[in-house]
Amino acid sequence: MEYFDLEDPFTTLKQHQFDTISTIFSSESDHMPCLNYLQCLTTSDFHVSFRQEAMSLVFQAQYCCNLDPYTPYLAVTYMDRFISKQEIPQGNPWVLRLLVIACISLAAKMKDMHFCYSNFQREEGFIFDASAIQRMELLVLDALNWRMRTITPFSFICFFISLFELKDPPLIQALKDRATHIIFQAGIETNLLEFKPSTIAASALLTASHELLPLQFPSFKASILCCEYVDEEKLLICFNAVMEMVINKMDTISTSSTVTPISVLDCHCNKSETEMSEKKGIKRHKLIGFCSESKRVKMSHIQPCG
């Protein structure tokens, strides 16, 4: 499989740069969760809890399996898109774990990275056989229409930076690095799921420039707002939300004496002693594959071993 670069999702396109950028902007909506997903996350306690627990597992895998930060980010985008299109059965907590394993596995394959899911499962106290994981991967692939070269905010960073016409390479890199970090942070924010990847990218760059180059911020903002692909109203709403997110995270860090991030997204998932003791008592169990004779895998066909 060809290596997938999140900054250049269409590496196989042999087109002029402008045509490629135009294609990315016109295609980004196809790589977003369904419109009803945000509503589910704001009205359904189950969906909120499911996403939070799933992301916690994704970031645990990042650290225990030494994954680069882009792999868990990609896994979360797969997971969000999948959950928005596929009904998740309630009352089966192992479904969450299997979905997380499948999404990380797919992301690692796209990034051409090694992911030893057997080691991760042993550490987390659950084990799935290879057949179950492969069938879950197929279910995810089918739900996502095999669009795995996902368009993310990273796909637009270089384009928007080019609008700033900066000449200092170290300054450009600093701006890009800060925007990248902000995008990672934005990945866990439910309220930002409604915005297109390009809008999040532009908002992250504007936030970064506001921090690093405040005197040039007005001109940077004007340059992005003049871009033909940008929805000004949506951008300003998203920018305010991103700025608020960054300020809140800074306040959290400054007021906390024991901050221990478990992921590049600054997701602080500290577990209580009760949760840890319960985890030790979890009986390891093995889940068999999906029980389906049809070629199209269905979530309802997941069956745990007794």
Protein backbone atom coordinates (compact mmCIF):
# COMPACT_ATOMS: atom_id res chain seq x y z
CA MET A 1 0.00 0.00 0.00
CA GLU A 2 1.28 3.47 -0.93
CA TYR A 3 2.20 5.66 2.02
CA PHE A 4 -0.56 8.12 2.87
CA ASP A 5 0.50 11.68 3.68
CA LEU A 6 -2.27 13.59 5.47
CA GLU A 7 -0.89 16.85 4.07
CA ASP A 8 -1.14 15.52 0.52
CA PRO A 9 -4.08 13.08 0.35
CA PHE A 10 -4.09 12.88 -3.45
CA THR A 11 -0.42 12.07 -4.01
CA THR A 12 -1.33 9.93 -7.01
CA LEU A 13 -2.88 12.86 -8.87
CA LYS A 14 -0.56 14.06 -11.62
CA GLN A 15 -2.18 17.46 -11.91
CA HIS A 16 -1.21 21.07 -11.58
CA GLN A 17 -1.15 22.23 -7.97
CA PHE A 18 -4.14 24.52 -8.48
CA ASP A 19 -6.23 21.68 -9.89
CA THR A 20 -5.27 19.45 -6.98
CA ILE A 21 -6.22 22.11 -4.43
CA SER A 22 -9.52 22.67 -6.20
CA THR A 23 -10.22 18.93 -6.09
CA ILE A 24 -9.45 18.74 -2.37
CA PHE A 25 -11.77 21.64 -1.55
CA SER A 26 -14.58 20.21 -3.66
CA SER A 27 -14.18 16.74 -2.12
CA GLU A 28 -13.74 17.53 1.58
CA SER A 29 -17.44 17.23 2.45
CA ASP A 30 -17.32 13.58 1.35
CA HIS A 31 -14.81 12.90 4.13
CA MET A 32 -16.83 14.36 7.00
CA PRO A 33 -19.23 12.67 9.43
CA CYS A 34 -22.90 12.77 8.51
CA LEU A 35 -24.82 15.90 9.48
CA ASN A 36 -26.85 14.14 12.16
CA TYR A 37 -23.73 13.05 14.03
CA LEU A 38 -23.24 16.31 15.89
CA GLN A 39 -26.88 16.24 16.97
CA CYS A 40 -26.39 12.71 18.32
CA LEU A 41 -23.38 13.88 20.31
CA THR A 42 -25.33 16.77 21.82
CA THR A 43 -28.49 14.82 22.67
CA SER A 44 -27.37 11.24 23.32
CA ASP A 45 -25.38 10.37 26.45
CA PHE A 46 -24.54 7.02 24.88
CA HIS A 47 -22.85 8.56 21.83
CA VAL A 48 -20.95 11.06 23.98
CA SER A 49 -19.68 8.33 26.30
CA PHE A 50 -18.91 6.00 23.40
CA ARG A 51 -16.75 8.60 21.64
CA GLN A 52 -14.92 9.62 24.80
CA GLU A 53 -14.09 6.05 25.77
CA ALA A 54 -13.08 5.19 22.22
CA MET A 55 -10.72 8.17 21.96
CA SER A 56 -9.21 7.28 25.33
CA LEU A 57 -8.36 3.82 23.99
CA VAL A 58 -6.98 5.27 20.76
CA PHE A 59 -4.59 7.50 22.67
CA GLN A 60 -3.60 4.69 25.02
CA ALA A 61 -2.61 2.74 21.91
CA GLN A 62 -0.61 5.72 20.66
CA TYR A 63 1.66 5.67 23.65
CA CYS A 64 1.94 1.99 24.41
CA CYS A 65 2.53 1.16 20.72
CA ASN A 66 4.70 4.21 19.98
CA LEU A 67 2.55 5.50 17.12
CA ASP A 68 3.16 8.85 15.50
CA PRO A 69 0.49 11.46 16.36
CA TYR A 70 -1.04 11.41 12.87
CA THR A 71 -2.03 7.74 13.11
CA PRO A 72 -4.41 8.10 16.10
CA TYR A 73 -5.76 11.32 14.57
CA LEU A 74 -6.56 9.43 11.37
CA ALA A 75 -8.09 6.59 13.38
CA VAL A 76 -10.42 9.04 15.14
CA THR A 77 -11.55 10.52 11.82
CA TYR A 78 -12.37 7.00 10.59
CA MET A 79 -14.22 6.30 13.81
CA ASP A 80 -16.28 9.52 13.67
CA ARG A 81 -17.27 8.92 10.06
CA PHE A 82 -18.18 5.31 10.82
CA ILE A 83 -20.28 6.03 13.92
CA SER A 84 -22.17 8.74 12.01
CA LYS A 85 -23.25 6.18 9.39
CA GLN A 86 -23.55 2.94 11.34
CA GLU A 87 -25.94 2.20 14.19
CA ILE A 88 -23.96 1.11 17.24
CA PRO A 89 -25.58 -1.60 19.37
CA GLN A 90 -25.81 -0.65 23.02
CA GLY A 91 -25.01 -2.95 25.93
CA ASN A 92 -21.97 -4.53 24.26
CA PRO A 93 -18.88 -2.65 25.51
CA TRP A 94 -16.55 -4.93 23.58
CA VAL A 95 -17.96 -3.49 20.32
CA LEU A 96 -16.24 -0.23 21.18
CA ARG A 97 -12.91 -1.97 21.70
CA LEU A 98 -13.18 -3.89 18.45
CA LEU A 99 -14.02 -0.72 16.51
CA VAL A 100 -11.04 1.09 18.03
CA ILE A 101 -8.67 -1.76 17.14
CA ALA A 102 -9.99 -1.83 13.57
CA CYS A 103 -9.73 1.94 13.08
CA ILE A 104 -6.18 2.09 14.46
CA SER A 105 -5.20 -0.91 12.35
CA LEU A 106 -6.56 0.72 9.19
CA ALA A 107 -4.89 4.04 10.01
CA ALA A 108 -1.56 2.30 10.65
CA LYS A 109 -1.82 0.47 7.33
CA MET A 110 -2.53 3.71 5.51
CA LYS A 111 0.46 5.33 7.23
CA ASP A 112 2.59 2.25 6.56
CA MET A 113 3.31 1.95 10.27
CA HIS A 114 3.61 -1.18 12.40
CA PHE A 115 0.80 -1.66 14.88
CA CYS A 116 0.95 -4.77 17.06
CA TYR A 117 -2.66 -4.97 18.16
CA SER A 118 -2.05 -8.21 20.07
CA ASN A 119 0.32 -6.46 22.48
CA PHE A 120 -2.11 -3.56 22.91
CA GLN A 121 -5.00 -5.91 23.62
CA ARG A 122 -3.08 -7.83 26.26
CA GLU A 123 -2.20 -4.60 28.01
CA GLU A 124 -5.81 -3.38 27.94
CA GLY A 125 -7.27 -6.72 29.10
CA PHE A 126 -9.15 -7.92 26.03
CA ILE A 127 -8.34 -10.10 23.05
CA PHE A 128 -9.96 -10.41 19.61
CA ASP A 129 -9.00 -12.96 17.04
CA ALA A 130 -7.65 -11.90 13.65
CA SER A 131 -10.89 -12.84 11.91
CA ALA A 132 -12.98 -10.51 14.08
CA ILE A 133 -10.58 -7.61 13.49
CA GLN A 134 -10.45 -8.17 9.74
CA ARG A 135 -14.23 -8.33 9.48
CA MET A 136 -14.58 -5.15 11.51
CA GLU A 137 -12.07 -3.49 9.18
CA LEU A 138 -14.25 -4.51 6.24
CA LEU A 139 -17.29 -3.07 7.96
CA VAL A 140 -15.49 0.24 8.44
CA LEU A 141 -14.21 0.24 4.86
CA ASP A 142 -17.70 -0.43 3.54
CA ALA A 143 -19.32 2.31 5.65
CA LEU A 144 -16.67 4.81 4.52
CA ASN A 145 -17.08 3.76 0.87
CA TRP A 146 -13.38 2.88 0.87
CA ARG A 147 -12.47 6.58 1.07
CA MET A 148 -9.49 6.04 3.32
CA ARG A 149 -7.25 8.78 1.91
CA THR A 150 -9.13 11.11 4.20
CA ILE A 151 -9.08 14.85 3.63
CA THR A 152 -8.19 16.45 6.95
CA PRO A 153 -7.26 19.99 8.07
CA PHE A 154 -3.61 19.03 7.44
CA SER A 155 -4.44 18.83 3.73
CA PHE A 156 -4.94 22.62 3.62
CA ILE A 157 -2.14 23.94 5.83
CA CYS A 158 0.44 24.53 3.10
CA PHE A 159 -2.11 26.13 0.80
CA PHE A 160 -3.28 28.66 3.39
CA ILE A 161 0.28 29.44 4.50
CA SER A 162 1.16 30.23 0.88
CA LEU A 163 -1.45 33.01 0.99
CA PHE A 164 0.54 34.75 3.73
CA GLU A 165 3.55 35.24 1.42
CA LEU A 166 6.05 34.77 4.22
CA LYS A 167 9.71 34.62 3.20
CA ASP A 168 11.35 33.37 6.42
CA PRO A 169 11.46 29.51 6.44
CA PRO A 170 11.91 29.20 10.24
CA LEU A 171 8.94 31.48 10.77
CA ILE A 172 6.84 29.49 8.32
CA GLN A 173 7.79 26.27 10.11
CA ALA A 174 6.96 27.73 13.52
CA LEU A 175 3.56 28.83 12.25
CA LYS A 176 2.92 25.43 10.71
CA ASP A 177 4.00 23.59 13.87
CA ARG A 178 1.73 25.65 16.10
CA ALA A 179 -1.23 25.26 13.73
CA THR A 180 -0.60 21.52 13.59
CA HIS A 181 -0.69 21.29 17.38
CA ILE A 182 -3.94 23.25 17.47
CA ILE A 183 -5.48 20.88 14.91
CA PHE A 184 -4.51 17.92 17.08
CA GLN A 185 -6.22 19.60 20.01
CA ALA A 186 -9.31 20.32 17.92
CA GLY A 187 -9.64 16.63 17.12
CA ILE A 188 -11.30 15.89 20.44
CA GLU A 189 -13.69 18.86 20.41
CA THR A 190 -17.25 17.79 19.64
CA ASN A 191 -18.42 21.27 18.67
CA LEU A 192 -15.80 21.52 15.90
CA LEU A 193 -17.06 18.44 14.07
CA GLU A 194 -19.59 20.56 12.17
CA PHE A 195 -16.86 22.52 10.36
CA LYS A 196 -15.15 21.48 7.16
CA PRO A 197 -11.47 20.45 7.42
CA SER A 198 -10.43 23.53 5.42
CA THR A 199 -12.27 25.80 7.85
CA ILE A 200 -10.54 24.20 10.83
CA ALA A 201 -7.16 24.50 9.08
CA ALA A 202 -7.69 28.19 8.36
CA SER A 203 -8.88 28.81 11.93
CA ALA A 204 -5.86 27.00 13.37
CA LEU A 205 -3.48 29.06 11.25
CA LEU A 206 -5.19 32.29 12.19
CA THR A 207 -5.00 31.34 15.86
CA ALA A 208 -1.32 30.46 15.49
CA SER A 209 -0.58 33.74 13.71
CA HIS A 210 -2.51 35.66 16.36
CA GLU A 211 -0.16 34.15 18.96
CA LEU A 212 3.13 34.27 17.05
CA LEU A 213 2.74 37.21 14.68
CA PRO A 214 0.09 39.53 16.17
CA LEU A 215 1.14 42.53 14.08
CA GLN A 216 0.67 40.60 10.85
CA PHE A 217 -2.53 38.90 11.95
CA PRO A 218 -4.91 41.43 10.29
CA SER A 219 -3.25 40.95 6.89
CA PHE A 220 -3.22 37.16 7.29
CA LYS A 221 -6.91 37.22 8.17
CA ALA A 222 -7.69 39.38 5.14
CA SER A 223 -5.74 37.03 2.87
CA ILE A 224 -7.70 33.98 3.99
CA LEU A 225 -11.07 35.75 3.89
CA CYS A 226 -10.37 36.75 0.27
CA CYS A 227 -9.82 33.11 -0.70
CA GLU A 228 -12.54 31.94 -3.08
CA TYR A 229 -12.91 28.61 -1.26
CA VAL A 230 -13.58 30.13 2.17
CA ASP A 231 -17.01 30.73 3.72
CA GLU A 232 -16.39 33.91 5.73
CA GLU A 233 -19.25 33.42 8.17
CA LYS A 234 -18.33 29.80 8.95
CA LEU A 235 -14.65 30.70 9.27
CA LEU A 236 -15.25 33.46 11.81
CA ILE A 237 -17.49 31.19 13.91
CA CYS A 238 -14.93 28.39 13.79
CA PHE A 239 -12.04 30.76 14.52
CA ASN A 240 -13.77 32.04 17.65
CA ALA A 241 -14.43 28.45 18.78
CA VAL A 242 -10.79 27.48 18.22
CA MET A 243 -9.52 30.55 20.05
CA GLU A 244 -11.81 29.74 22.98
CA MET A 245 -10.55 26.14 22.98
CA VAL A 246 -6.92 27.25 23.09
CA ILE A 247 -7.55 29.75 25.89
CA ASN A 248 -9.46 27.17 27.94
CA LYS A 249 -6.66 24.63 27.55
CA MET A 250 -4.08 27.18 28.62
CA ASP A 251 -6.19 28.01 31.68
CA THR A 252 -6.50 24.32 32.51
CA ILE A 253 -2.76 23.79 32.29
CA SER A 254 -1.95 26.88 34.35
CA THR A 255 -4.34 25.92 37.15
CA SER A 256 -3.39 22.25 37.29
CA SER A 257 -0.35 21.16 39.26
CA THR A 258 -0.38 17.59 38.00
CA VAL A 259 -1.14 17.59 34.29
CA THR A 260 -0.24 14.31 32.63
CA PRO A 261 -1.30 14.27 28.97
CA ILE A 262 -1.71 10.82 27.48
CA SER A 263 -1.91 12.02 23.91
CA VAL A 264 -0.77 14.68 21.52
CA LEU A 265 -4.34 15.96 21.61
CA ASP A 266 -3.86 16.91 25.28
CA CYS A 267 -6.61 14.50 26.26
CA HIS A 268 -6.31 14.14 30.00
CA CYS A 269 -7.83 10.79 30.87
CA ASN A 270 -6.79 10.24 34.45
CA LYS A 271 -8.38 7.10 35.86
CA SER A 272 -9.54 6.77 39.43
CA GLU A 273 -8.23 4.08 41.74
CA THR A 274 -11.63 2.41 41.57
CA GLU A 275 -11.50 2.21 37.77
CA MET A 276 -7.98 0.82 37.88
CA SER A 277 -8.90 -1.85 40.40
CA GLU A 278 -11.89 -2.81 38.31
CA LYS A 279 -9.69 -3.06 35.26
CA LYS A 280 -7.39 -5.53 37.02
CA GLY A 281 -10.38 -7.70 37.75
CA ILE A 282 -11.60 -7.81 34.17
CA LYS A 283 -11.66 -11.36 32.93
CA ARG A 284 -9.83 -11.73 29.67
CA HIS A 285 -12.02 -13.04 26.98
CA LYS A 286 -11.70 -13.80 23.32
CA LEU A 287 -14.18 -12.66 20.71
CA ILE A 288 -14.72 -14.71 17.62
CA GLY A 289 -15.29 -13.19 14.19
CA PHE A 290 -18.50 -11.91 12.74
CA CYS A 291 -21.01 -14.71 12.12
CA SER A 292 -22.21 -13.88 8.64
CA GLU A 293 -22.45 -15.96 5.53
CA SER A 294 -23.04 -12.92 3.38
CA LYS A 295 -20.22 -10.91 1.88
CA ARG A 296 -21.56 -7.69 3.41
CA VAL A 297 -20.61 -7.58 7.07
CA LYS A 298 -23.14 -6.21 9.54
CA MET A 299 -22.58 -4.92 13.06
CA SER A 300 -25.39 -7.13 14.36
CA HIS A 301 -23.37 -10.18 13.42
CA ILE A 302 -20.78 -9.61 16.13
CA GLN A 303 -20.96 -12.48 18.59
CA PRO A 304 -18.83 -12.77 21.73
CA CYS A 305 -17.48 -16.04 22.97
CA GLY A 306 -19.23 -17.25 26.08
